[in-house]
C-alpha atoms as a PDB file:
ATOM      1  CA  MET A   1      19.102   6.536 -11.849  1.00  0.00           C
ATOM      2  CA  PRO A   2      15.363   6.227 -11.060  1.00  0.00           C
ATOM      3  CA  HIS A   3      12.890   6.838 -13.820  1.00  0.00           C
ATOM      4  CA  PHE A   4       9.566   8.517 -13.077  1.00  0.00           C
ATOM      5  CA  ASP A   5       6.798   9.352 -15.496  1.00  0.00           C
ATOM      6  CA  LEU A   6       6.209  12.802 -13.974  1.00  0.00           C
ATOM      7  CA  PRO A   7       8.627  15.687 -13.543  1.00  0.00           C
ATOM      8  CA  LEU A   8       9.991  16.066 -10.030  1.00  0.00           C
ATOM      9  CA  GLU A   9       7.889  19.138  -9.198  1.00  0.00           C
ATOM     10  CA  GLU A  10       4.698  17.349 -10.211  1.00  0.00           C
ATOM     11  CA  LEU A  11       5.676  14.320  -8.157  1.00  0.00           C
ATOM     12  CA  ARG A  12       6.108  16.527  -5.104  1.00  0.00           C
ATOM     13  CA  ARG A  13       2.602  17.954  -5.546  1.00  0.00           C
ATOM     14  CA  TYR A  14       0.964  14.689  -6.507  1.00  0.00           C
ATOM     15  CA  ARG A  15      -1.715  13.570  -4.044  1.00  0.00           C
ATOM     16  CA  PRO A  16      -3.520  10.459  -5.271  1.00  0.00           C
ATOM     17  CA  GLU A  17      -7.066   9.772  -4.269  1.00  0.00           C
ATOM     18  CA  LEU A  18      -6.889   7.141  -1.564  1.00  0.00           C
ATOM     19  CA  SER A  19      -9.622   4.761  -0.645  1.00  0.00           C
ATOM     20  CA  GLU A  20      -9.526   1.814   1.668  1.00  0.00           C
ATOM     21  CA  PRO A  21     -11.676  -1.304   1.466  1.00  0.00           C
ATOM     22  CA  ASP A  22     -14.602  -1.596   3.876  1.00  0.00           C
ATOM     23  CA  ASP A  23     -12.852  -4.395   5.767  1.00  0.00           C
ATOM     24  CA  PHE A  24      -9.462  -2.687   6.000  1.00  0.00           C
ATOM     25  CA  ASP A  25      -9.526  -2.210   9.793  1.00  0.00           C
ATOM     26  CA  VAL A  26     -10.914  -5.679  10.382  1.00  0.00           C
ATOM     27  CA  PHE A  27      -8.136  -7.200   8.316  1.00  0.00           C
ATOM     28  CA  TRP A  28      -5.396  -5.492  10.339  1.00  0.00           C
ATOM     29  CA  ARG A  29      -7.025  -6.278  13.699  1.00  0.00           C
ATOM     30  CA  ARG A  30      -6.991 -10.023  13.081  1.00  0.00           C
ATOM     31  CA  PRO A  31      -4.271 -11.877  14.955  1.00  0.00           C
ATOM     32  CA  PHE A  32      -1.259 -12.830  12.956  1.00  0.00           C
ATOM     33  CA  GLN A  33      -1.378 -16.479  11.925  1.00  0.00           C
ATOM     34  CA  PRO A  34       2.103 -17.710  11.044  1.00  0.00           C
ATOM     35  CA  ARG A  35       2.181 -20.084   8.124  1.00  0.00           C
ATOM     36  CA  VAL A  36       3.713 -23.489   8.542  1.00  0.00           C
ATOM     37  CA  ASN A  37       6.052 -24.510   5.781  1.00  0.00           C
ATOM     38  CA  THR A  38       4.442 -27.605   4.260  1.00  0.00           C
ATOM     39  CA  ILE A  39       6.852 -28.070   1.391  1.00  0.00           C
END
């Protein structure tokens, strides 16, 4: 069974303050660069 540190009703109402870094959109717009396995 999951364990939460807040009662269920408080979890349902919980709305954390969200902030995104200044470069958030830039990061996600960059093309995906697959990594080459070098091991």
